[in-house]
Amino acid sequence: MTTPQQPPPQQPSPLEDMPEDWQRALAVVAHPDDLEYGAAAAVAEWVEAGKEVTYLLVTRGEAGIDGLAPDECATVREAEQRASARAVGVSTVEFLGQRDGVIEEGPVLREDIAAAVRRHRPELVVTINHHDTWGGTYWNTPDHRAVGRAVLDAVGDAGNRWIFPGQLERDGAGTGTGTWGGVRWVAVAASPYATHAAPVGDKAVERAVASLAEHRAYITALSDEDPVAYARSVVDRGLGMGAERYGGRRCVSFQLYPR
């Protein structure tokens, strides 16, 4: 009697190219440094190509360094995030000021994100992994999960005039904004279910390393390694993870949700 053979394991499909026919992007994440663990290299390429990218941070990262009290930590991490954004050419960085570590998914968060989408009118919205894990046994944080899921919902909210109508202009004297249904994609960085990739060259890689290294206080609390050496190791490892599915090229991988 023969034993039935198991089918061979399914190979992951190749990553497709990220769309390039857009001009404005809004990146929405929970904490300072979230974008710098990989996605910043793609941002550097986009800015170099003349695209507009804005950062929106839901918190100021005040619960991120055990040795610093929250008020002091928030000041340090906000300054580090602004310097980090400048390293990849991003000049507009906004903070919602919600509490780090206890972000709640729900209409309050959706309203804040929808307001930013309506104000900045992006075609591409970028966020970070909203899934329960990073693709294995490492559990994702509640802040990442809440923000990523709220972003996916808020993009739809932004185009609906009956949702959060207090944000909208009613006449020429209004101080709000109009609806915005022009988001064409939401791209989730660091997703274990990546579908697309943005290739990155040497210049973008160096800018991404410099961008992560700007988070000196945070990195110093994590590691005894020099911040630049730490950043280079992390960025190189992250950009190589999708290469096998992208023709051997270094890239930032995303799970892309068409709208």
C-alpha atoms as a PDB file:
ATOM      1  CA  MET A   1       0.000   0.000   0.000  1.00  0.00           C
ATOM      2  CA  THR A   2       1.432   3.339  -0.989  1.00  0.00           C
ATOM      3  CA  THR A   3       1.207   6.449   1.123  1.00  0.00           C
ATOM      4  CA  PRO A   4      -0.425   9.401  -0.643  1.00  0.00           C
ATOM      5  CA  GLN A   5       2.103  12.098  -1.348  1.00  0.00           C
ATOM      6  CA  GLN A   6       1.602  15.562   0.081  1.00  0.00           C
ATOM      7  CA  PRO A   7       1.325  18.302  -2.533  1.00  0.00           C
ATOM      8  CA  PRO A   8       4.422  20.487  -2.767  1.00  0.00           C
ATOM      9  CA  PRO A   9       4.249  23.720  -0.748  1.00  0.00           C
ATOM     10  CA  GLN A  10       2.789  26.594  -2.690  1.00  0.00           C
ATOM     11  CA  GLN A  11       5.355  29.209  -3.661  1.00  0.00           C
ATOM     12  CA  PRO A  12       4.461  32.832  -2.908  1.00  0.00           C
ATOM     13  CA  SER A  13       3.483  34.689  -6.037  1.00  0.00           C
ATOM     14  CA  PRO A  14       5.812  37.413  -7.358  1.00  0.00           C
ATOM     15  CA  LEU A  15       5.251  40.907  -6.030  1.00  0.00           C
ATOM     16  CA  GLU A  16       3.676  43.318  -8.488  1.00  0.00           C
ATOM     17  CA  ASP A  17       4.927  46.858  -9.033  1.00  0.00           C
ATOM     18  CA  MET A  18       3.368  49.535  -6.894  1.00  0.00           C
ATOM     19  CA  PRO A  19       1.293  51.990  -8.944  1.00  0.00           C
ATOM     20  CA  GLU A  20       3.117  55.182  -9.886  1.00  0.00           C
ATOM     21  CA  ASP A  21       0.320  57.234 -11.464  1.00  0.00           C
ATOM     22  CA  TRP A  22      -0.378  59.378  -8.407  1.00  0.00           C
ATOM     23  CA  GLN A  23       0.913  62.668  -6.998  1.00  0.00           C
ATOM     24  CA  ARG A  24      -0.116  62.942  -3.308  1.00  0.00           C
ATOM     25  CA  ALA A  25       0.281  60.409  -0.502  1.00  0.00           C
ATOM     26  CA  LEU A  26      -0.656  60.495   3.172  1.00  0.00           C
ATOM     27  CA  ALA A  27       1.165  58.116   5.532  1.00  0.00           C
ATOM     28  CA  VAL A  28      -0.764  57.403   8.743  1.00  0.00           C
ATOM     29  CA  VAL A  29       0.868  55.397  11.537  1.00  0.00           C
ATOM     30  CA  ALA A  30       0.652  55.053  15.295  1.00  0.00           C
ATOM     31  CA  HIS A  31       4.113  56.042  16.514  1.00  0.00           C
ATOM     32  CA  PRO A  32       7.284  57.908  15.655  1.00  0.00           C
ATOM     33  CA  ASP A  33       9.620  55.345  13.985  1.00  0.00           C
ATOM     34  CA  ASP A  34       6.814  53.181  12.515  1.00  0.00           C
ATOM     35  CA  LEU A  35       7.541  54.390   8.984  1.00  0.00           C
ATOM     36  CA  GLU A  36      11.300  54.218   9.401  1.00  0.00           C
ATOM     37  CA  TYR A  37      11.431  50.446   9.791  1.00  0.00           C
ATOM     38  CA  GLY A  38      11.280  49.990   6.012  1.00  0.00           C
ATOM     39  CA  ALA A  39       8.658  52.216   4.377  1.00  0.00           C
ATOM     40  CA  ALA A  40      10.825  55.348   4.523  1.00  0.00           C
ATOM     41  CA  ALA A  41      12.995  54.024   1.684  1.00  0.00           C
ATOM     42  CA  ALA A  42       9.950  54.016  -0.606  1.00  0.00           C
ATOM     43  CA  VAL A  43       9.040  57.500   0.634  1.00  0.00           C
ATOM     44  CA  ALA A  44      12.537  58.706  -0.278  1.00  0.00           C
ATOM     45  CA  GLU A  45      12.110  57.363  -3.815  1.00  0.00           C
ATOM     46  CA  TRP A  46       8.673  58.928  -4.171  1.00  0.00           C
ATOM     47  CA  VAL A  47       9.811  62.349  -2.969  1.00  0.00           C
ATOM     48  CA  GLU A  48      12.839  62.217  -5.271  1.00  0.00           C
ATOM     49  CA  ALA A  49      10.424  61.547  -8.145  1.00  0.00           C
ATOM     50  CA  GLY A  50       8.513  64.732  -7.296  1.00  0.00           C
ATOM     51  CA  LYS A  51       5.588  63.241  -5.393  1.00  0.00           C
ATOM     52  CA  GLU A  52       4.121  64.884  -2.281  1.00  0.00           C
ATOM     53  CA  VAL A  53       4.114  62.842   0.928  1.00  0.00           C
ATOM     54  CA  THR A  54       2.674  63.935   4.271  1.00  0.00           C
ATOM     55  CA  TYR A  55       3.099  62.129   7.598  1.00  0.00           C
ATOM     56  CA  LEU A  56       0.317  61.806  10.178  1.00  0.00           C
ATOM     57  CA  LEU A  57       1.278  60.312  13.555  1.00  0.00           C
ATOM     58  CA  VAL A  58      -1.594  59.279  15.817  1.00  0.00           C
ATOM     59  CA  THR A  59       0.533  59.538  18.988  1.00  0.00           C
ATOM     60  CA  ARG A  60       3.744  61.290  19.997  1.00  0.00           C
ATOM     61  CA  GLY A  61       5.269  58.010  21.161  1.00  0.00           C
ATOM     62  CA  GLU A  62       5.326  59.021  24.816  1.00  0.00           C
ATOM     63  CA  ALA A  63       5.117  55.458  26.146  1.00  0.00           C
ATOM     64  CA  GLY A  64       7.987  54.207  24.019  1.00  0.00           C
ATOM     65  CA  ILE A  65      11.039  54.742  26.238  1.00  0.00           C
ATOM     66  CA  ASP A  66      10.989  53.221  29.704  1.00  0.00           C
ATOM     67  CA  GLY A  67      13.664  55.573  31.056  1.00  0.00           C
ATOM     68  CA  LEU A  68      11.848  58.780  30.064  1.00  0.00           C
ATOM     69  CA  ALA A  69       8.687  60.169  31.635  1.00  0.00           C
ATOM     70  CA  PRO A  70       5.859  60.507  29.086  1.00  0.00           C
ATOM     71  CA  ASP A  71       5.926  64.314  28.774  1.00  0.00           C
ATOM     72  CA  GLU A  72       9.685  64.400  28.197  1.00  0.00           C
ATOM     73  CA  CYS A  73       9.554  61.390  25.934  1.00  0.00           C
ATOM     74  CA  ALA A  74       6.851  62.936  23.754  1.00  0.00           C
ATOM     75  CA  THR A  75       8.945  66.061  23.205  1.00  0.00           C
ATOM     76  CA  VAL A  76      12.037  64.046  22.306  1.00  0.00           C
ATOM     77  CA  ARG A  77      10.252  61.648  19.992  1.00  0.00           C
ATOM     78  CA  GLU A  78       8.303  64.341  18.176  1.00  0.00           C
ATOM     79  CA  ALA A  79      11.552  66.185  17.442  1.00  0.00           C
ATOM     80  CA  GLU A  80      13.196  62.950  16.293  1.00  0.00           C
ATOM     81  CA  GLN A  81      10.267  62.191  13.985  1.00  0.00           C
ATOM     82  CA  ARG A  82      10.439  65.605  12.348  1.00  0.00           C
ATOM     83  CA  ALA A  83      14.181  65.208  11.770  1.00  0.00           C
ATOM     84  CA  SER A  84      13.577  61.691  10.468  1.00  0.00           C
ATOM     85  CA  ALA A  85      10.992  62.928   7.985  1.00  0.00           C
ATOM     86  CA  ARG A  86      13.352  65.635   6.716  1.00  0.00           C
ATOM     87  CA  ALA A  87      15.971  62.970   5.987  1.00  0.00           C
ATOM     88  CA  VAL A  88      13.696  61.518   3.280  1.00  0.00           C
ATOM     89  CA  GLY A  89      12.399  64.878   2.054  1.00  0.00           C
ATOM     90  CA  VAL A  90       9.079  65.043   3.936  1.00  0.00           C
ATOM     91  CA  SER A  91       8.366  68.510   5.335  1.00  0.00           C
ATOM     92  CA  THR A  92       4.797  68.159   6.651  1.00  0.00           C
ATOM     93  CA  VAL A  93       4.463  66.060   9.811  1.00  0.00           C
ATOM     94  CA  GLU A  94       1.292  66.208  11.912  1.00  0.00           C
ATOM     95  CA  PHE A  95       0.441  64.630  15.265  1.00  0.00           C
ATOM     96  CA  LEU A  96      -3.053  63.805  16.487  1.00  0.00           C
ATOM     97  CA  GLY A  97      -1.904  63.573  20.111  1.00  0.00           C
ATOM     98  CA  GLN A  98      -3.838  60.454  21.058  1.00  0.00           C
ATOM     99  CA  ARG A  99      -2.444  58.413  23.952  1.00  0.00           C
ATOM    100  CA  ASP A 100       0.390  56.064  23.102  1.00  0.00           C
ATOM    101  CA  GLY A 101      -0.264  52.426  23.928  1.00  0.00           C
ATOM    102  CA  VAL A 102      -4.012  52.728  24.403  1.00  0.00           C
ATOM    103  CA  ILE A 103      -5.298  53.878  21.015  1.00  0.00           C
ATOM    104  CA  GLU A 104      -8.910  52.823  20.619  1.00  0.00           C
ATOM    105  CA  GLU A 105     -10.291  51.709  17.288  1.00  0.00           C
ATOM    106  CA  GLY A 106     -13.605  53.418  16.714  1.00  0.00           C
ATOM    107  CA  PRO A 107     -15.351  56.548  15.426  1.00  0.00           C
ATOM    108  CA  VAL A 108     -13.137  59.046  17.292  1.00  0.00           C
ATOM    109  CA  LEU A 109     -10.001  57.736  15.611  1.00  0.00           C
ATOM    110  CA  ARG A 110     -11.760  57.353  12.263  1.00  0.00           C
ATOM    111  CA  GLU A 111     -12.989  60.936  12.437  1.00  0.00           C
ATOM    112  CA  ASP A 112      -9.496  62.301  13.057  1.00  0.00           C
ATOM    113  CA  ILE A 113      -8.018  60.301  10.173  1.00  0.00           C
ATOM    114  CA  ALA A 114     -10.912  61.132   7.830  1.00  0.00           C
ATOM    115  CA  ALA A 115     -10.351  64.818   8.560  1.00  0.00           C
ATOM    116  CA  ALA A 116      -6.707  64.485   7.513  1.00  0.00           C
ATOM    117  CA  VAL A 117      -7.667  62.618   4.345  1.00  0.00           C
ATOM    118  CA  ARG A 118     -10.188  65.316   3.457  1.00  0.00           C
ATOM    119  CA  ARG A 119      -7.646  68.048   4.180  1.00  0.00           C
ATOM    120  CA  HIS A 120      -4.657  66.580   2.309  1.00  0.00           C
ATOM    121  CA  ARG A 121      -6.640  64.859  -0.493  1.00  0.00           C
ATOM    122  CA  PRO A 122      -4.229  61.996  -1.191  1.00  0.00           C
ATOM    123  CA  GLU A 123      -4.521  59.443  -3.944  1.00  0.00           C
ATOM    124  CA  LEU A 124      -2.414  56.938  -2.000  1.00  0.00           C
ATOM    125  CA  VAL A 125      -2.688  56.307   1.741  1.00  0.00           C
ATOM    126  CA  VAL A 126       0.058  54.356   3.494  1.00  0.00           C
ATOM    127  CA  THR A 127      -0.213  52.680   6.879  1.00  0.00           C
ATOM    128  CA  ILE A 128       1.451  49.860   8.818  1.00  0.00           C
ATOM    129  CA  ASN A 129       0.521  46.227   9.415  1.00  0.00           C
ATOM    130  CA  HIS A 130      -2.952  45.951  10.952  1.00  0.00           C
ATOM    131  CA  HIS A 131      -3.003  42.148  11.128  1.00  0.00           C
ATOM    132  CA  ASP A 132      -2.838  40.213  14.389  1.00  0.00           C
ATOM    133  CA  THR A 133       0.750  39.041  13.838  1.00  0.00           C
ATOM    134  CA  TRP A 134       3.799  39.876  11.748  1.00  0.00           C
ATOM    135  CA  GLY A 135       3.332  36.620   9.873  1.00  0.00           C
ATOM    136  CA  GLY A 136       4.314  34.120  12.537  1.00  0.00           C
ATOM    137  CA  THR A 137       4.276  33.925  16.302  1.00  0.00           C
ATOM    138  CA  TYR A 138       5.109  37.580  16.962  1.00  0.00           C
ATOM    139  CA  TRP A 139       1.915  39.299  18.111  1.00  0.00           C
ATOM    140  CA  ASN A 140       1.317  42.758  16.702  1.00  0.00           C
ATOM    141  CA  THR A 141       0.694  45.675  19.073  1.00  0.00           C
ATOM    142  CA  PRO A 142      -2.832  46.966  19.697  1.00  0.00           C
ATOM    143  CA  ASP A 143      -1.881  50.453  18.477  1.00  0.00           C
ATOM    144  CA  HIS A 144      -0.734  49.155  15.087  1.00  0.00           C
ATOM    145  CA  ARG A 145      -3.834  47.022  14.712  1.00  0.00           C
ATOM    146  CA  ALA A 146      -6.195  49.829  15.681  1.00  0.00           C
ATOM    147  CA  VAL A 147      -4.606  52.472  13.472  1.00  0.00           C
ATOM    148  CA  GLY A 148      -4.269  50.259  10.407  1.00  0.00           C
ATOM    149  CA  ARG A 149      -7.873  49.132  10.563  1.00  0.00           C
ATOM    150  CA  ALA A 150      -9.112  52.673  11.239  1.00  0.00           C
ATOM    151  CA  VAL A 151      -7.193  53.939   8.210  1.00  0.00           C
ATOM    152  CA  LEU A 152      -8.917  51.418   5.945  1.00  0.00           C
ATOM    153  CA  ASP A 153     -12.293  52.543   7.287  1.00  0.00           C
ATOM    154  CA  ALA A 154     -11.564  56.289   7.388  1.00  0.00           C
ATOM    155  CA  VAL A 155     -10.621  56.381   3.718  1.00  0.00           C
ATOM    156  CA  GLY A 156     -14.204  55.389   2.946  1.00  0.00           C
ATOM    157  CA  ASP A 157     -15.585  57.782   5.540  1.00  0.00           C
ATOM    158  CA  ALA A 158     -13.738  60.700   3.937  1.00  0.00           C
ATOM    159  CA  GLY A 159     -15.734  60.351   0.732  1.00  0.00           C
ATOM    160  CA  ASN A 160     -19.151  60.141   2.397  1.00  0.00           C
ATOM    161  CA  ARG A 161     -20.778  63.515   3.131  1.00  0.00           C
ATOM    162  CA  TRP A 162     -23.109  61.980   5.701  1.00  0.00           C
ATOM    163  CA  ILE A 163     -20.230  60.691   7.857  1.00  0.00           C
ATOM    164  CA  PHE A 164     -18.555  63.311  10.088  1.00  0.00           C
ATOM    165  CA  PRO A 165     -20.473  66.136   8.340  1.00  0.00           C
ATOM    166  CA  GLY A 166     -19.220  68.688  10.867  1.00  0.00           C
ATOM    167  CA  GLN A 167     -15.903  68.691   9.010  1.00  0.00           C
ATOM    168  CA  LEU A 168     -17.466  69.868   5.771  1.00  0.00           C
ATOM    169  CA  GLU A 169     -17.943  73.358   4.435  1.00  0.00           C
ATOM    170  CA  ARG A 170     -21.571  74.381   4.151  1.00  0.00           C
ATOM    171  CA  ASP A 171     -21.016  77.792   2.557  1.00  0.00           C
ATOM    172  CA  GLY A 172     -18.254  80.177   1.564  1.00  0.00           C
ATOM    173  CA  ALA A 173     -17.588  81.095   5.178  1.00  0.00           C
ATOM    174  CA  GLY A 174     -17.063  77.515   6.311  1.00  0.00           C
ATOM    175  CA  THR A 175     -13.806  76.494   7.910  1.00  0.00           C
ATOM    176  CA  GLY A 176     -13.984  72.815   7.112  1.00  0.00           C
ATOM    177  CA  THR A 177     -13.084  70.888   3.978  1.00  0.00           C
ATOM    178  CA  GLY A 178     -15.005  69.028   1.333  1.00  0.00           C
ATOM    179  CA  THR A 179     -15.399  65.289   1.070  1.00  0.00           C
ATOM    180  CA  TRP A 180     -12.566  63.392  -0.595  1.00  0.00           C
ATOM    181  CA  GLY A 181     -13.263  60.170  -2.423  1.00  0.00           C
ATOM    182  CA  GLY A 182     -10.069  60.341  -4.461  1.00  0.00           C
ATOM    183  CA  VAL A 183      -8.041  57.765  -2.537  1.00  0.00           C
ATOM    184  CA  ARG A 184      -7.292  55.036  -5.067  1.00  0.00           C
ATOM    185  CA  TRP A 185      -5.229  52.689  -2.907  1.00  0.00           C
ATOM    186  CA  VAL A 186      -4.314  51.975   0.701  1.00  0.00           C
ATOM    187  CA  ALA A 187      -0.845  50.437   0.974  1.00  0.00           C
ATOM    188  CA  VAL A 188      -0.032  48.495   4.147  1.00  0.00           C
ATOM    189  CA  ALA A 189       3.683  48.335   4.933  1.00  0.00           C
ATOM    190  CA  ALA A 190       5.195  45.370   6.802  1.00  0.00           C
ATOM    191  CA  SER A 191       2.143  43.228   6.078  1.00  0.00           C
ATOM    192  CA  PRO A 192       2.689  39.454   6.127  1.00  0.00           C
ATOM    193  CA  TYR A 193       0.391  39.339   3.092  1.00  0.00           C
ATOM    194  CA  ALA A 194       2.356  41.604   0.746  1.00  0.00           C
ATOM    195  CA  THR A 195       1.133  41.844  -2.852  1.00  0.00           C
ATOM    196  CA  HIS A 196       3.156  44.734  -4.307  1.00  0.00           C
ATOM    197  CA  ALA A 197       6.587  46.290  -4.050  1.00  0.00           C
ATOM    198  CA  ALA A 198       8.327  49.607  -4.594  1.00  0.00           C
ATOM    199  CA  PRO A 199      11.932  49.202  -5.785  1.00  0.00           C
ATOM    200  CA  VAL A 200      14.578  51.280  -3.994  1.00  0.00           C
ATOM    201  CA  GLY A 201      18.005  52.386  -5.135  1.00  0.00           C
ATOM    202  CA  ASP A 202      21.188  53.145  -3.233  1.00  0.00           C
ATOM    203  CA  LYS A 203      20.357  56.820  -2.647  1.00  0.00           C
ATOM    204  CA  ALA A 204      16.969  55.993  -1.151  1.00  0.00           C
ATOM    205  CA  VAL A 205      18.528  53.309   1.040  1.00  0.00           C
ATOM    206  CA  GLU A 206      21.049  55.787   2.457  1.00  0.00           C
ATOM    207  CA  ARG A 207      18.275  58.276   3.173  1.00  0.00           C
ATOM    208  CA  ALA A 208      16.223  55.565   4.858  1.00  0.00           C
ATOM    209  CA  VAL A 209      19.189  54.625   7.057  1.00  0.00           C
ATOM    210  CA  ALA A 210      19.678  58.270   8.014  1.00  0.00           C
ATOM    211  CA  SER A 211      15.947  58.588   8.676  1.00  0.00           C
ATOM    212  CA  LEU A 212      15.844  55.673  11.124  1.00  0.00           C
ATOM    213  CA  ALA A 213      19.103  56.779  12.771  1.00  0.00           C
ATOM    214  CA  GLU A 214      17.452  60.097  13.692  1.00  0.00           C
ATOM    215  CA  HIS A 215      15.464  58.175  16.319  1.00  0.00           C
ATOM    216  CA  ARG A 216      18.559  58.186  18.519  1.00  0.00           C
ATOM    217  CA  ALA A 217      16.894  58.253  21.927  1.00  0.00           C
ATOM    218  CA  TYR A 218      14.577  55.416  20.970  1.00  0.00           C
ATOM    219  CA  ILE A 219      17.320  53.284  19.417  1.00  0.00           C
ATOM    220  CA  THR A 220      19.635  53.885  22.371  1.00  0.00           C
ATOM    221  CA  ALA A 221      16.913  52.580  24.680  1.00  0.00           C
ATOM    222  CA  LEU A 222      16.611  49.445  22.531  1.00  0.00           C
ATOM    223  CA  SER A 223      20.214  48.618  21.722  1.00  0.00           C
ATOM    224  CA  ASP A 224      23.827  49.244  22.697  1.00  0.00           C
ATOM    225  CA  GLU A 225      24.688  49.411  19.005  1.00  0.00           C
ATOM    226  CA  ASP A 226      25.576  52.712  17.350  1.00  0.00           C
ATOM    227  CA  PRO A 227      22.323  54.206  15.960  1.00  0.00           C
ATOM    228  CA  VAL A 228      23.626  54.405  12.389  1.00  0.00           C
ATOM    229  CA  ALA A 229      24.932  50.827  12.450  1.00  0.00           C
ATOM    230  CA  TYR A 230      21.658  49.658  13.975  1.00  0.00           C
ATOM    231  CA  ALA A 231      19.656  51.533  11.352  1.00  0.00           C
ATOM    232  CA  ARG A 232      21.708  50.139   8.482  1.00  0.00           C
ATOM    233  CA  SER A 233      21.287  46.577   9.729  1.00  0.00           C
ATOM    234  CA  VAL A 234      17.531  46.954  10.155  1.00  0.00           C
ATOM    235  CA  VAL A 235      16.956  48.723   6.829  1.00  0.00           C
ATOM    236  CA  ASP A 236      19.139  46.317   4.832  1.00  0.00           C
ATOM    237  CA  ARG A 237      17.387  43.317   6.353  1.00  0.00           C
ATOM    238  CA  GLY A 238      13.931  44.740   5.735  1.00  0.00           C
ATOM    239  CA  LEU A 239      14.595  45.713   2.123  1.00  0.00           C
ATOM    240  CA  GLY A 240      15.963  42.279   1.364  1.00  0.00           C
ATOM    241  CA  MET A 241      12.946  40.396   2.660  1.00  0.00           C
ATOM    242  CA  GLY A 242      10.858  40.913  -0.462  1.00  0.00           C
ATOM    243  CA  ALA A 243      13.699  40.550  -2.935  1.00  0.00           C
ATOM    244  CA  GLU A 244      13.107  36.847  -3.578  1.00  0.00           C
ATOM    245  CA  ARG A 245       9.597  37.653  -4.809  1.00  0.00           C
ATOM    246  CA  TYR A 246      10.715  40.737  -6.750  1.00  0.00           C
ATOM    247  CA  GLY A 247      13.355  39.539  -9.136  1.00  0.00           C
ATOM    248  CA  GLY A 248      16.158  39.839  -6.598  1.00  0.00           C
ATOM    249  CA  ARG A 249      15.733  43.614  -6.292  1.00  0.00           C
ATOM    250  CA  ARG A 250      15.696  45.457  -2.979  1.00  0.00           C
ATOM    251  CA  CYS A 251      12.231  46.780  -2.325  1.00  0.00           C
ATOM    252  CA  VAL A 252       9.645  47.898   0.182  1.00  0.00           C
ATOM    253  CA  SER A 253       6.732  45.491   0.097  1.00  0.00           C
ATOM    254  CA  PHE A 254       3.113  46.465   0.651  1.00  0.00           C
ATOM    255  CA  GLN A 255      -0.275  44.820   0.818  1.00  0.00           C
ATOM    256  CA  LEU A 256      -2.269  46.963  -1.588  1.00  0.00           C
ATOM    257  CA  TYR A 257      -6.007  47.540  -1.183  1.00  0.00           C
ATOM    258  CA  PRO A 258      -7.570  49.174  -4.278  1.00  0.00           C
ATOM    259  CA  ARG A 259     -10.428  51.496  -3.406  1.00  0.00           C
END
